[in-house]
Amino acid sequence: MLTPTRPEGSEPQDFHLSRRGLAAAVLAGYALSARSAQAQPIVTDAAGLVTEMVQVETPDRAIPAFVARPAARGRFPVVVVIPEVFGLHEYIRDICRRLAKLGYVAISPDLFVRQGDPSKVADFAEVRKIVGEASEAQVMSDVASTLTFIKAQTYADKAKVAMTGFCWGGAIVWLASTRFPDLKAGAAWYGRLSAPKPGEFLGETNRNWPLQVVGRLGAPVIGLYAGKDGGIPVSDVEAMRAALIAARKSTSEIVLYPDSQHGFHADYRASYDATAASDAWNRMLAHFAANGVRPKSYRAG
């Protein structure tokens, strides 16, 4: 049984998948080191959509990205989807399809392609190694290139761009929202807020963390957090809420689900909380809409 409760993935002792469970994860396209044998992931079909892998040019190489969008004429608002430590696996692709069904263009870049594919690694120590080698500078450069790519597409409304991210990607949303004026709104799902201790995973001193940069937020962010997160204490969540108030970032907010665990939106994990996930998803969509990133079909509630 899988019980991941930590912000940048999980410890090895959190996982126990049988050989059959690992095989099922491989066939379904989910991250090897995260799929719960008991989970029944949401599967969104591609009917009425265009889904494709594209190549995004960056300063040093092209990186792959998954795009899902309505199969219709016109320009559609954009959501950039930043993955967890497990990279561009089926859960992230399904999130893109869900957004596309609502009338968005969703794009998720492979930010770990230079280091490896964490979704196909069963050893979580190797996953950490891959993720740790992706520097903040490289990730932000890739995000910039992704924004440049998607804004150039005839199907994208370049004036309406939001970002969402999960776990590791949640922290990236906070950071990107301080850097890129193109972003009109962000939704950070249980992204780490404070710096790890030196020597811990991602504990390098040259990395920024949301609590350090909150005063520089440009795009308003909704933070979606769990009260029973084993790696993000409620004290950090409350510190972020206080920091937003102190910095007068009144259009940003924190929502805490007191009985949920880290990864409560991840429907392929045992930590999935359908009630909290649905409420948080609707809050994310409302936040995007309130900041001008809404598809024509959007209806509040």
C-alpha atoms as a PDB file:
ATOM      1  CA  MET A   1       0.000   0.000   0.000  1.00  0.00           C
ATOM      2  CA  LEU A   2       1.192   3.499  -0.833  1.00  0.00           C
ATOM      3  CA  THR A   3       0.990   6.282   1.737  1.00  0.00           C
ATOM      4  CA  PRO A   4       3.053   9.201   0.399  1.00  0.00           C
ATOM      5  CA  THR A   5       2.867  12.106   2.829  1.00  0.00           C
ATOM      6  CA  ARG A   6       5.847  14.279   1.938  1.00  0.00           C
ATOM      7  CA  PRO A   7       6.165  17.390  -0.219  1.00  0.00           C
ATOM      8  CA  GLU A   8       8.839  16.304  -2.680  1.00  0.00           C
ATOM      9  CA  GLY A   9       7.777  12.714  -3.048  1.00  0.00           C
ATOM     10  CA  SER A  10       8.163  10.078  -0.357  1.00  0.00           C
ATOM     11  CA  GLU A  11      10.665   8.071   1.559  1.00  0.00           C
ATOM     12  CA  PRO A  12      11.393   4.514   0.385  1.00  0.00           C
ATOM     13  CA  GLN A  13       9.525   3.070   3.367  1.00  0.00           C
ATOM     14  CA  ASP A  14       6.332   4.744   2.140  1.00  0.00           C
ATOM     15  CA  PHE A  15       6.079   2.350  -0.796  1.00  0.00           C
ATOM     16  CA  HIS A  16       5.155  -1.258  -1.143  1.00  0.00           C
ATOM     17  CA  LEU A  17       4.076  -2.369  -4.603  1.00  0.00           C
ATOM     18  CA  SER A  18       3.972  -5.948  -5.797  1.00  0.00           C
ATOM     19  CA  ARG A  19       5.538  -6.996  -9.084  1.00  0.00           C
ATOM     20  CA  ARG A  20       2.038  -7.063 -10.518  1.00  0.00           C
ATOM     21  CA  GLY A  21       1.429  -3.520  -9.270  1.00  0.00           C
ATOM     22  CA  LEU A  22       4.636  -2.304 -10.853  1.00  0.00           C
ATOM     23  CA  ALA A  23       3.715  -3.948 -14.143  1.00  0.00           C
ATOM     24  CA  ALA A  24       0.294  -2.292 -14.057  1.00  0.00           C
ATOM     25  CA  ALA A  25       1.909   1.077 -13.434  1.00  0.00           C
ATOM     26  CA  VAL A  26       4.222   0.602 -16.414  1.00  0.00           C
ATOM     27  CA  LEU A  27       1.395  -0.358 -18.752  1.00  0.00           C
ATOM     28  CA  ALA A  28      -0.811   2.523 -17.607  1.00  0.00           C
ATOM     29  CA  GLY A  29       1.955   5.102 -17.876  1.00  0.00           C
ATOM     30  CA  TYR A  30       2.022   6.086 -14.193  1.00  0.00           C
ATOM     31  CA  ALA A  31       5.145   6.704 -12.163  1.00  0.00           C
ATOM     32  CA  LEU A  32       6.693   3.403 -11.097  1.00  0.00           C
ATOM     33  CA  SER A  33       7.640   4.554  -7.616  1.00  0.00           C
ATOM     34  CA  ALA A  34       4.291   6.129  -6.788  1.00  0.00           C
ATOM     35  CA  ARG A  35       1.339   4.125  -8.121  1.00  0.00           C
ATOM     36  CA  SER A  36      -0.849   2.536  -5.449  1.00  0.00           C
ATOM     37  CA  ALA A  37      -2.133  -0.929  -6.212  1.00  0.00           C
ATOM     38  CA  GLN A  38      -5.430   0.052  -4.552  1.00  0.00           C
ATOM     39  CA  ALA A  39      -5.928   3.293  -6.513  1.00  0.00           C
ATOM     40  CA  GLN A  40      -8.408   3.713  -9.359  1.00  0.00           C
ATOM     41  CA  PRO A  41      -7.097   6.726 -11.252  1.00  0.00           C
ATOM     42  CA  ILE A  42      -9.403   9.047 -13.148  1.00  0.00           C
ATOM     43  CA  VAL A  43      -9.122   8.463 -16.896  1.00  0.00           C
ATOM     44  CA  THR A  44     -10.111  11.302 -19.219  1.00  0.00           C
ATOM     45  CA  ASP A  45     -10.585  10.427 -22.858  1.00  0.00           C
ATOM     46  CA  ALA A  46      -9.363  12.589 -25.730  1.00  0.00           C
ATOM     47  CA  ALA A  47     -12.684  12.840 -27.567  1.00  0.00           C
ATOM     48  CA  GLY A  48     -13.106  16.354 -28.898  1.00  0.00           C
ATOM     49  CA  LEU A  49      -9.472  17.179 -28.185  1.00  0.00           C
ATOM     50  CA  VAL A  50      -6.174  17.492 -29.965  1.00  0.00           C
ATOM     51  CA  THR A  51      -3.428  15.865 -27.912  1.00  0.00           C
ATOM     52  CA  GLU A  52       0.178  15.793 -29.015  1.00  0.00           C
ATOM     53  CA  MET A  53       3.796  15.844 -27.991  1.00  0.00           C
ATOM     54  CA  VAL A  54       5.600  18.971 -29.167  1.00  0.00           C
ATOM     55  CA  GLN A  55       9.190  20.176 -29.035  1.00  0.00           C
ATOM     56  CA  VAL A  56       9.923  23.393 -27.143  1.00  0.00           C
ATOM     57  CA  GLU A  57      13.150  25.120 -28.111  1.00  0.00           C
ATOM     58  CA  THR A  58      15.262  26.232 -25.135  1.00  0.00           C
ATOM     59  CA  PRO A  59      18.696  27.912 -25.119  1.00  0.00           C
ATOM     60  CA  ASP A  60      20.557  24.580 -25.044  1.00  0.00           C
ATOM     61  CA  ARG A  61      18.200  22.017 -26.620  1.00  0.00           C
ATOM     62  CA  ALA A  62      14.622  21.156 -27.484  1.00  0.00           C
ATOM     63  CA  ILE A  63      12.543  19.649 -24.691  1.00  0.00           C
ATOM     64  CA  PRO A  64       9.340  17.625 -25.144  1.00  0.00           C
ATOM     65  CA  ALA A  65       6.013  18.867 -23.849  1.00  0.00           C
ATOM     66  CA  PHE A  66       2.519  17.415 -23.820  1.00  0.00           C
ATOM     67  CA  VAL A  67      -0.294  19.600 -25.176  1.00  0.00           C
ATOM     68  CA  ALA A  68      -4.028  19.007 -24.902  1.00  0.00           C
ATOM     69  CA  ARG A  69      -6.502  21.477 -26.402  1.00  0.00           C
ATOM     70  CA  PRO A  70     -10.012  21.645 -27.781  1.00  0.00           C
ATOM     71  CA  ALA A  71     -10.391  20.380 -31.356  1.00  0.00           C
ATOM     72  CA  ALA A  72     -12.077  23.593 -32.416  1.00  0.00           C
ATOM     73  CA  ARG A  73     -11.212  26.821 -34.144  1.00  0.00           C
ATOM     74  CA  GLY A  74     -10.290  29.879 -32.153  1.00  0.00           C
ATOM     75  CA  ARG A  75      -7.909  30.919 -29.420  1.00  0.00           C
ATOM     76  CA  PHE A  76      -8.189  29.395 -25.968  1.00  0.00           C
ATOM     77  CA  PRO A  77      -6.831  30.409 -22.558  1.00  0.00           C
ATOM     78  CA  VAL A  78      -3.674  28.593 -21.494  1.00  0.00           C
ATOM     79  CA  VAL A  79      -2.717  26.637 -18.374  1.00  0.00           C
ATOM     80  CA  VAL A  80       0.914  25.566 -17.966  1.00  0.00           C
ATOM     81  CA  VAL A  81       0.990  22.368 -15.868  1.00  0.00           C
ATOM     82  CA  ILE A  82       4.124  21.754 -13.789  1.00  0.00           C
ATOM     83  CA  PRO A  83       4.504  18.102 -12.740  1.00  0.00           C
ATOM     84  CA  GLU A  84       5.547  16.462  -9.511  1.00  0.00           C
ATOM     85  CA  VAL A  85       8.925  14.841  -9.004  1.00  0.00           C
ATOM     86  CA  PHE A  86       7.666  11.937 -11.128  1.00  0.00           C
ATOM     87  CA  GLY A  87       7.685  14.045 -14.276  1.00  0.00           C
ATOM     88  CA  LEU A  88       5.451  13.910 -17.307  1.00  0.00           C
ATOM     89  CA  HIS A  89       3.561  10.692 -16.564  1.00  0.00           C
ATOM     90  CA  GLU A  90      -0.059   9.683 -17.127  1.00  0.00           C
ATOM     91  CA  TYR A  91      -1.523  11.593 -14.166  1.00  0.00           C
ATOM     92  CA  ILE A  92      -0.118  14.870 -15.508  1.00  0.00           C
ATOM     93  CA  ARG A  93      -1.271  14.109 -19.048  1.00  0.00           C
ATOM     94  CA  ASP A  94      -4.736  13.367 -17.690  1.00  0.00           C
ATOM     95  CA  ILE A  95      -4.801  16.722 -15.880  1.00  0.00           C
ATOM     96  CA  CYS A  96      -4.007  18.366 -19.220  1.00  0.00           C
ATOM     97  CA  ARG A  97      -6.894  16.515 -20.868  1.00  0.00           C
ATOM     98  CA  ARG A  98      -9.265  17.524 -18.049  1.00  0.00           C
ATOM     99  CA  LEU A  99      -8.340  21.158 -18.548  1.00  0.00           C
ATOM    100  CA  ALA A 100      -8.705  20.871 -22.317  1.00  0.00           C
ATOM    101  CA  LYS A 101     -12.200  19.412 -21.897  1.00  0.00           C
ATOM    102  CA  LEU A 102     -13.069  22.628 -20.036  1.00  0.00           C
ATOM    103  CA  GLY A 103     -11.845  24.808 -22.885  1.00  0.00           C
ATOM    104  CA  TYR A 104      -8.209  25.463 -22.006  1.00  0.00           C
ATOM    105  CA  VAL A 105      -4.995  24.803 -23.844  1.00  0.00           C
ATOM    106  CA  ALA A 106      -2.918  22.804 -21.360  1.00  0.00           C
ATOM    107  CA  ILE A 107       0.816  22.318 -21.820  1.00  0.00           C
ATOM    108  CA  SER A 108       3.174  20.384 -19.569  1.00  0.00           C
ATOM    109  CA  PRO A 109       6.909  20.499 -20.342  1.00  0.00           C
ATOM    110  CA  ASP A 110       9.332  17.698 -19.484  1.00  0.00           C
ATOM    111  CA  LEU A 111      11.572  19.607 -17.097  1.00  0.00           C
ATOM    112  CA  PHE A 112      13.713  16.552 -16.263  1.00  0.00           C
ATOM    113  CA  VAL A 113      14.505  15.352 -19.784  1.00  0.00           C
ATOM    114  CA  ARG A 114      18.192  16.259 -19.475  1.00  0.00           C
ATOM    115  CA  GLN A 115      18.565  14.204 -16.302  1.00  0.00           C
ATOM    116  CA  GLY A 116      16.353  11.193 -17.038  1.00  0.00           C
ATOM    117  CA  ASP A 117      12.769   9.989 -16.791  1.00  0.00           C
ATOM    118  CA  PRO A 118      11.718   9.731 -13.133  1.00  0.00           C
ATOM    119  CA  SER A 119       8.404   8.129 -14.073  1.00  0.00           C
ATOM    120  CA  LYS A 120      10.208   4.967 -15.192  1.00  0.00           C
ATOM    121  CA  VAL A 121      12.433   4.624 -12.132  1.00  0.00           C
ATOM    122  CA  ALA A 122      11.383   2.260  -9.332  1.00  0.00           C
ATOM    123  CA  ASP A 123      14.117   3.362  -6.914  1.00  0.00           C
ATOM    124  CA  PHE A 124      13.068   6.603  -5.255  1.00  0.00           C
ATOM    125  CA  ALA A 125      16.685   7.486  -4.480  1.00  0.00           C
ATOM    126  CA  GLU A 126      17.241   7.644  -8.246  1.00  0.00           C
ATOM    127  CA  VAL A 127      14.133   9.817  -8.641  1.00  0.00           C
ATOM    128  CA  ARG A 128      15.625  12.254  -6.135  1.00  0.00           C
ATOM    129  CA  LYS A 129      18.905  12.265  -8.003  1.00  0.00           C
ATOM    130  CA  ILE A 130      17.177  13.131 -11.278  1.00  0.00           C
ATOM    131  CA  VAL A 131      15.118  15.902  -9.717  1.00  0.00           C
ATOM    132  CA  GLY A 132      18.019  17.291  -7.701  1.00  0.00           C
ATOM    133  CA  GLU A 133      20.097  17.748 -10.854  1.00  0.00           C
ATOM    134  CA  ALA A 134      17.453  20.047 -12.375  1.00  0.00           C
ATOM    135  CA  SER A 135      18.654  23.440 -11.154  1.00  0.00           C
ATOM    136  CA  GLU A 136      16.323  26.329 -10.439  1.00  0.00           C
ATOM    137  CA  ALA A 137      17.969  28.300 -13.257  1.00  0.00           C
ATOM    138  CA  GLN A 138      17.372  25.496 -15.756  1.00  0.00           C
ATOM    139  CA  VAL A 139      13.751  25.004 -14.697  1.00  0.00           C
ATOM    140  CA  MET A 140      12.931  28.706 -14.892  1.00  0.00           C
ATOM    141  CA  SER A 141      14.614  28.932 -18.296  1.00  0.00           C
ATOM    142  CA  ASP A 142      12.508  26.000 -19.512  1.00  0.00           C
ATOM    143  CA  VAL A 143       9.353  27.634 -18.150  1.00  0.00           C
ATOM    144  CA  ALA A 144      10.255  30.826 -20.015  1.00  0.00           C
ATOM    145  CA  SER A 145      10.758  28.841 -23.221  1.00  0.00           C
ATOM    146  CA  THR A 146       7.451  27.032 -22.720  1.00  0.00           C
ATOM    147  CA  LEU A 147       5.658  30.355 -22.369  1.00  0.00           C
ATOM    148  CA  THR A 148       7.344  31.656 -25.520  1.00  0.00           C
ATOM    149  CA  PHE A 149       6.332  28.523 -27.422  1.00  0.00           C
ATOM    150  CA  ILE A 150       2.694  28.449 -26.364  1.00  0.00           C
ATOM    151  CA  LYS A 151       2.114  32.163 -26.898  1.00  0.00           C
ATOM    152  CA  ALA A 152       3.238  31.747 -30.507  1.00  0.00           C
ATOM    153  CA  GLN A 153       0.579  29.129 -31.274  1.00  0.00           C
ATOM    154  CA  THR A 154      -2.476  30.201 -33.253  1.00  0.00           C
ATOM    155  CA  TYR A 155      -4.789  28.268 -30.912  1.00  0.00           C
ATOM    156  CA  ALA A 156      -3.569  30.025 -27.733  1.00  0.00           C
ATOM    157  CA  ASP A 157      -4.837  33.276 -26.248  1.00  0.00           C
ATOM    158  CA  LYS A 158      -1.520  34.753 -25.142  1.00  0.00           C
ATOM    159  CA  ALA A 159      -3.254  37.342 -22.952  1.00  0.00           C
ATOM    160  CA  LYS A 160      -4.804  34.616 -20.788  1.00  0.00           C
ATOM    161  CA  VAL A 161      -2.129  32.383 -19.267  1.00  0.00           C
ATOM    162  CA  ALA A 162      -2.226  30.633 -15.879  1.00  0.00           C
ATOM    163  CA  MET A 163      -0.072  27.991 -14.224  1.00  0.00           C
ATOM    164  CA  THR A 164      -0.744  25.089 -11.909  1.00  0.00           C
ATOM    165  CA  GLY A 165       1.667  22.602 -10.340  1.00  0.00           C
ATOM    166  CA  PHE A 166       1.685  19.689  -7.951  1.00  0.00           C
ATOM    167  CA  CYS A 167       4.122  18.787  -5.147  1.00  0.00           C
ATOM    168  CA  TRP A 168       7.549  19.830  -6.524  1.00  0.00           C
ATOM    169  CA  GLY A 169       5.623  21.680  -9.208  1.00  0.00           C
ATOM    170  CA  GLY A 170       3.602  23.545  -6.600  1.00  0.00           C
ATOM    171  CA  ALA A 171       6.733  25.268  -5.340  1.00  0.00           C
ATOM    172  CA  ILE A 172       7.661  26.100  -8.939  1.00  0.00           C
ATOM    173  CA  VAL A 173       4.299  27.861  -9.365  1.00  0.00           C
ATOM    174  CA  TRP A 174       5.069  30.199  -6.464  1.00  0.00           C
ATOM    175  CA  LEU A 175       8.526  30.961  -7.866  1.00  0.00           C
ATOM    176  CA  ALA A 176       7.354  31.413 -11.466  1.00  0.00           C
ATOM    177  CA  SER A 177       4.668  33.807 -10.270  1.00  0.00           C
ATOM    178  CA  THR A 178       7.406  36.170  -9.098  1.00  0.00           C
ATOM    179  CA  ARG A 179       9.212  36.124 -12.468  1.00  0.00           C
ATOM    180  CA  PHE A 180       6.887  35.992 -15.454  1.00  0.00           C
ATOM    181  CA  PRO A 181       4.510  38.884 -16.192  1.00  0.00           C
ATOM    182  CA  ASP A 182       2.713  36.684 -18.741  1.00  0.00           C
ATOM    183  CA  LEU A 183       1.225  34.662 -15.875  1.00  0.00           C
ATOM    184  CA  LYS A 184      -2.127  36.054 -14.769  1.00  0.00           C
ATOM    185  CA  ALA A 185      -2.789  33.487 -12.016  1.00  0.00           C
ATOM    186  CA  GLY A 186      -1.231  30.470 -10.332  1.00  0.00           C
ATOM    187  CA  ALA A 187      -2.502  27.464  -8.382  1.00  0.00           C
ATOM    188  CA  ALA A 188       0.062  25.705  -6.172  1.00  0.00           C
ATOM    189  CA  TRP A 189      -0.940  22.266  -4.933  1.00  0.00           C
ATOM    190  CA  TYR A 190       0.945  21.346  -1.724  1.00  0.00           C
ATOM    191  CA  GLY A 191       4.251  22.769  -2.893  1.00  0.00           C
ATOM    192  CA  ARG A 192       6.966  23.063  -0.283  1.00  0.00           C
ATOM    193  CA  LEU A 193       7.128  26.543   1.242  1.00  0.00           C
ATOM    194  CA  SER A 194      10.323  26.704   3.307  1.00  0.00           C
ATOM    195  CA  ALA A 195      13.871  25.638   2.530  1.00  0.00           C
ATOM    196  CA  PRO A 196      14.941  22.086   3.435  1.00  0.00           C
ATOM    197  CA  LYS A 197      17.822  21.774   5.864  1.00  0.00           C
ATOM    198  CA  PRO A 198      21.315  21.596   4.307  1.00  0.00           C
ATOM    199  CA  GLY A 199      22.020  18.031   3.243  1.00  0.00           C
ATOM    200  CA  GLU A 200      18.352  17.182   2.791  1.00  0.00           C
ATOM    201  CA  PHE A 201      16.731  16.635  -0.590  1.00  0.00           C
ATOM    202  CA  LEU A 202      16.856  19.947  -2.532  1.00  0.00           C
ATOM    203  CA  GLY A 203      18.582  21.560   0.431  1.00  0.00           C
ATOM    204  CA  GLU A 204      21.169  23.432  -1.653  1.00  0.00           C
ATOM    205  CA  THR A 205      21.554  27.014  -0.524  1.00  0.00           C
ATOM    206  CA  ASN A 206      21.260  28.384  -4.074  1.00  0.00           C
ATOM    207  CA  ARG A 207      17.597  27.380  -4.377  1.00  0.00           C
ATOM    208  CA  ASN A 208      14.792  29.816  -3.581  1.00  0.00           C
ATOM    209  CA  TRP A 209      11.610  28.787  -1.781  1.00  0.00           C
ATOM    210  CA  PRO A 210       8.198  30.461  -1.680  1.00  0.00           C
ATOM    211  CA  LEU A 211       8.477  31.961   1.810  1.00  0.00           C
ATOM    212  CA  GLN A 212      11.679  33.697   0.730  1.00  0.00           C
ATOM    213  CA  VAL A 213      10.159  35.419  -2.317  1.00  0.00           C
ATOM    214  CA  VAL A 214       6.544  36.099  -1.372  1.00  0.00           C
ATOM    215  CA  GLY A 215       7.073  39.858  -1.482  1.00  0.00           C
ATOM    216  CA  ARG A 216       7.915  39.624  -5.182  1.00  0.00           C
ATOM    217  CA  LEU A 217       4.729  37.861  -6.255  1.00  0.00           C
ATOM    218  CA  GLY A 218       3.275  39.351  -9.414  1.00  0.00           C
ATOM    219  CA  ALA A 219       0.593  36.867 -10.398  1.00  0.00           C
ATOM    220  CA  PRO A 220      -1.932  36.031  -7.657  1.00  0.00           C
ATOM    221  CA  VAL A 221      -1.585  32.464  -6.370  1.00  0.00           C
ATOM    222  CA  ILE A 222      -4.015  30.171  -4.618  1.00  0.00           C
ATOM    223  CA  GLY A 223      -2.161  27.684  -2.419  1.00  0.00           C
ATOM    224  CA  LEU A 224      -3.939  24.356  -1.794  1.00  0.00           C
ATOM    225  CA  TYR A 225      -2.520  22.534   1.228  1.00  0.00           C
ATOM    226  CA  ALA A 226      -3.117  19.519   3.476  1.00  0.00           C
ATOM    227  CA  GLY A 227      -3.364  19.592   7.254  1.00  0.00           C
ATOM    228  CA  LYS A 228      -1.798  16.148   7.598  1.00  0.00           C
ATOM    229  CA  ASP A 229       1.119  16.671   5.216  1.00  0.00           C
ATOM    230  CA  GLY A 230       4.134  14.823   6.572  1.00  0.00           C
ATOM    231  CA  GLY A 231       6.611  17.289   5.083  1.00  0.00           C
ATOM    232  CA  ILE A 232       4.836  20.665   5.050  1.00  0.00           C
ATOM    233  CA  PRO A 233       3.855  21.551   8.618  1.00  0.00           C
ATOM    234  CA  VAL A 234       0.741  23.620   9.210  1.00  0.00           C
ATOM    235  CA  SER A 235       3.061  26.210  10.782  1.00  0.00           C
ATOM    236  CA  ASP A 236       4.632  26.762   7.339  1.00  0.00           C
ATOM    237  CA  VAL A 237       1.207  27.124   5.766  1.00  0.00           C
ATOM    238  CA  GLU A 238       0.189  29.668   8.386  1.00  0.00           C
ATOM    239  CA  ALA A 239       3.520  31.482   7.955  1.00  0.00           C
ATOM    240  CA  MET A 240       2.814  31.748   4.222  1.00  0.00           C
ATOM    241  CA  ARG A 241      -0.677  33.056   4.898  1.00  0.00           C
ATOM    242  CA  ALA A 242       0.762  35.684   7.246  1.00  0.00           C
ATOM    243  CA  ALA A 243       3.495  36.572   4.747  1.00  0.00           C
ATOM    244  CA  LEU A 244       0.910  37.166   2.021  1.00  0.00           C
ATOM    245  CA  ILE A 245      -0.985  39.522   4.328  1.00  0.00           C
ATOM    246  CA  ALA A 246       2.179  41.329   5.392  1.00  0.00           C
ATOM    247  CA  ALA A 247       3.216  41.763   1.748  1.00  0.00           C
ATOM    248  CA  ARG A 248      -0.283  43.025   0.883  1.00  0.00           C
ATOM    249  CA  LYS A 249      -0.833  40.276  -1.648  1.00  0.00           C
ATOM    250  CA  SER A 250      -4.586  40.385  -1.122  1.00  0.00           C
ATOM    251  CA  THR A 251      -5.405  38.572  -4.373  1.00  0.00           C
ATOM    252  CA  SER A 252      -3.451  35.504  -3.253  1.00  0.00           C
ATOM    253  CA  GLU A 253      -4.798  33.070  -0.685  1.00  0.00           C
ATOM    254  CA  ILE A 254      -4.154  29.820   1.140  1.00  0.00           C
ATOM    255  CA  VAL A 255      -6.728  27.040   1.481  1.00  0.00           C
ATOM    256  CA  LEU A 256      -6.032  24.297   4.031  1.00  0.00           C
ATOM    257  CA  TYR A 257      -7.763  20.916   4.032  1.00  0.00           C
ATOM    258  CA  PRO A 258      -7.213  19.849   7.653  1.00  0.00           C
ATOM    259  CA  ASP A 259      -7.929  16.133   7.272  1.00  0.00           C
ATOM    260  CA  SER A 260      -6.106  15.559   3.976  1.00  0.00           C
ATOM    261  CA  GLN A 261      -2.620  14.225   3.302  1.00  0.00           C
ATOM    262  CA  HIS A 262       0.065  15.406   0.917  1.00  0.00           C
ATOM    263  CA  GLY A 263      -0.907  14.436  -2.624  1.00  0.00           C
ATOM    264  CA  PHE A 264      -4.641  14.597  -1.953  1.00  0.00           C
ATOM    265  CA  HIS A 265      -5.341  15.391  -5.613  1.00  0.00           C
ATOM    266  CA  ALA A 266      -3.188  12.534  -6.953  1.00  0.00           C
ATOM    267  CA  ASP A 267      -5.846   9.955  -7.826  1.00  0.00           C
ATOM    268  CA  TYR A 268      -3.249   7.254  -8.517  1.00  0.00           C
ATOM    269  CA  ARG A 269      -2.058   7.319  -4.891  1.00  0.00           C
ATOM    270  CA  ALA A 270      -3.556   6.019  -1.671  1.00  0.00           C
ATOM    271  CA  SER A 271      -3.482   9.583  -0.283  1.00  0.00           C
ATOM    272  CA  TYR A 272      -6.170  10.693  -2.778  1.00  0.00           C
ATOM    273  CA  ASP A 273      -9.048  12.557  -1.139  1.00  0.00           C
ATOM    274  CA  ALA A 274     -11.862  12.896  -3.674  1.00  0.00           C
ATOM    275  CA  THR A 275     -13.824  15.472  -1.687  1.00  0.00           C
ATOM    276  CA  ALA A 276     -10.871  17.766  -1.046  1.00  0.00           C
ATOM    277  CA  ALA A 277      -9.563  17.262  -4.596  1.00  0.00           C
ATOM    278  CA  SER A 278     -12.883  18.279  -6.139  1.00  0.00           C
ATOM    279  CA  ASP A 279     -13.266  21.324  -3.911  1.00  0.00           C
ATOM    280  CA  ALA A 280      -9.698  22.460  -4.571  1.00  0.00           C
ATOM    281  CA  TRP A 281     -10.060  21.925  -8.332  1.00  0.00           C
ATOM    282  CA  ASN A 282     -13.158  24.130  -8.390  1.00  0.00           C
ATOM    283  CA  ARG A 283     -11.379  26.773  -6.320  1.00  0.00           C
ATOM    284  CA  MET A 284      -8.486  26.709  -8.778  1.00  0.00           C
ATOM    285  CA  LEU A 285     -10.825  27.233 -11.728  1.00  0.00           C
ATOM    286  CA  ALA A 286     -12.606  30.066  -9.916  1.00  0.00           C
ATOM    287  CA  HIS A 287      -9.248  31.677  -9.123  1.00  0.00           C
ATOM    288  CA  PHE A 288      -8.199  31.509 -12.761  1.00  0.00           C
ATOM    289  CA  ALA A 289     -11.540  32.947 -13.878  1.00  0.00           C
ATOM    290  CA  ALA A 290     -11.404  35.768 -11.329  1.00  0.00           C
ATOM    291  CA  ASN A 291      -8.058  36.784 -12.803  1.00  0.00           C
ATOM    292  CA  GLY A 292      -9.199  36.739 -16.415  1.00  0.00           C
ATOM    293  CA  VAL A 293      -8.102  33.222 -17.424  1.00  0.00           C
ATOM    294  CA  ARG A 294     -11.419  31.641 -18.179  1.00  0.00           C
ATOM    295  CA  PRO A 295     -12.725  29.639 -21.127  1.00  0.00           C
ATOM    296  CA  LYS A 296     -15.963  30.731 -22.768  1.00  0.00           C
ATOM    297  CA  SER A 297     -17.739  27.720 -21.294  1.00  0.00           C
ATOM    298  CA  TYR A 298     -16.787  28.515 -17.685  1.00  0.00           C
ATOM    299  CA  ARG A 299     -19.625  28.681 -15.174  1.00  0.00           C
ATOM    300  CA  ALA A 300     -18.982  29.514 -11.520  1.00  0.00           C
ATOM    301  CA  GLY A 301     -19.837  26.811  -8.989  1.00  0.00           C
END
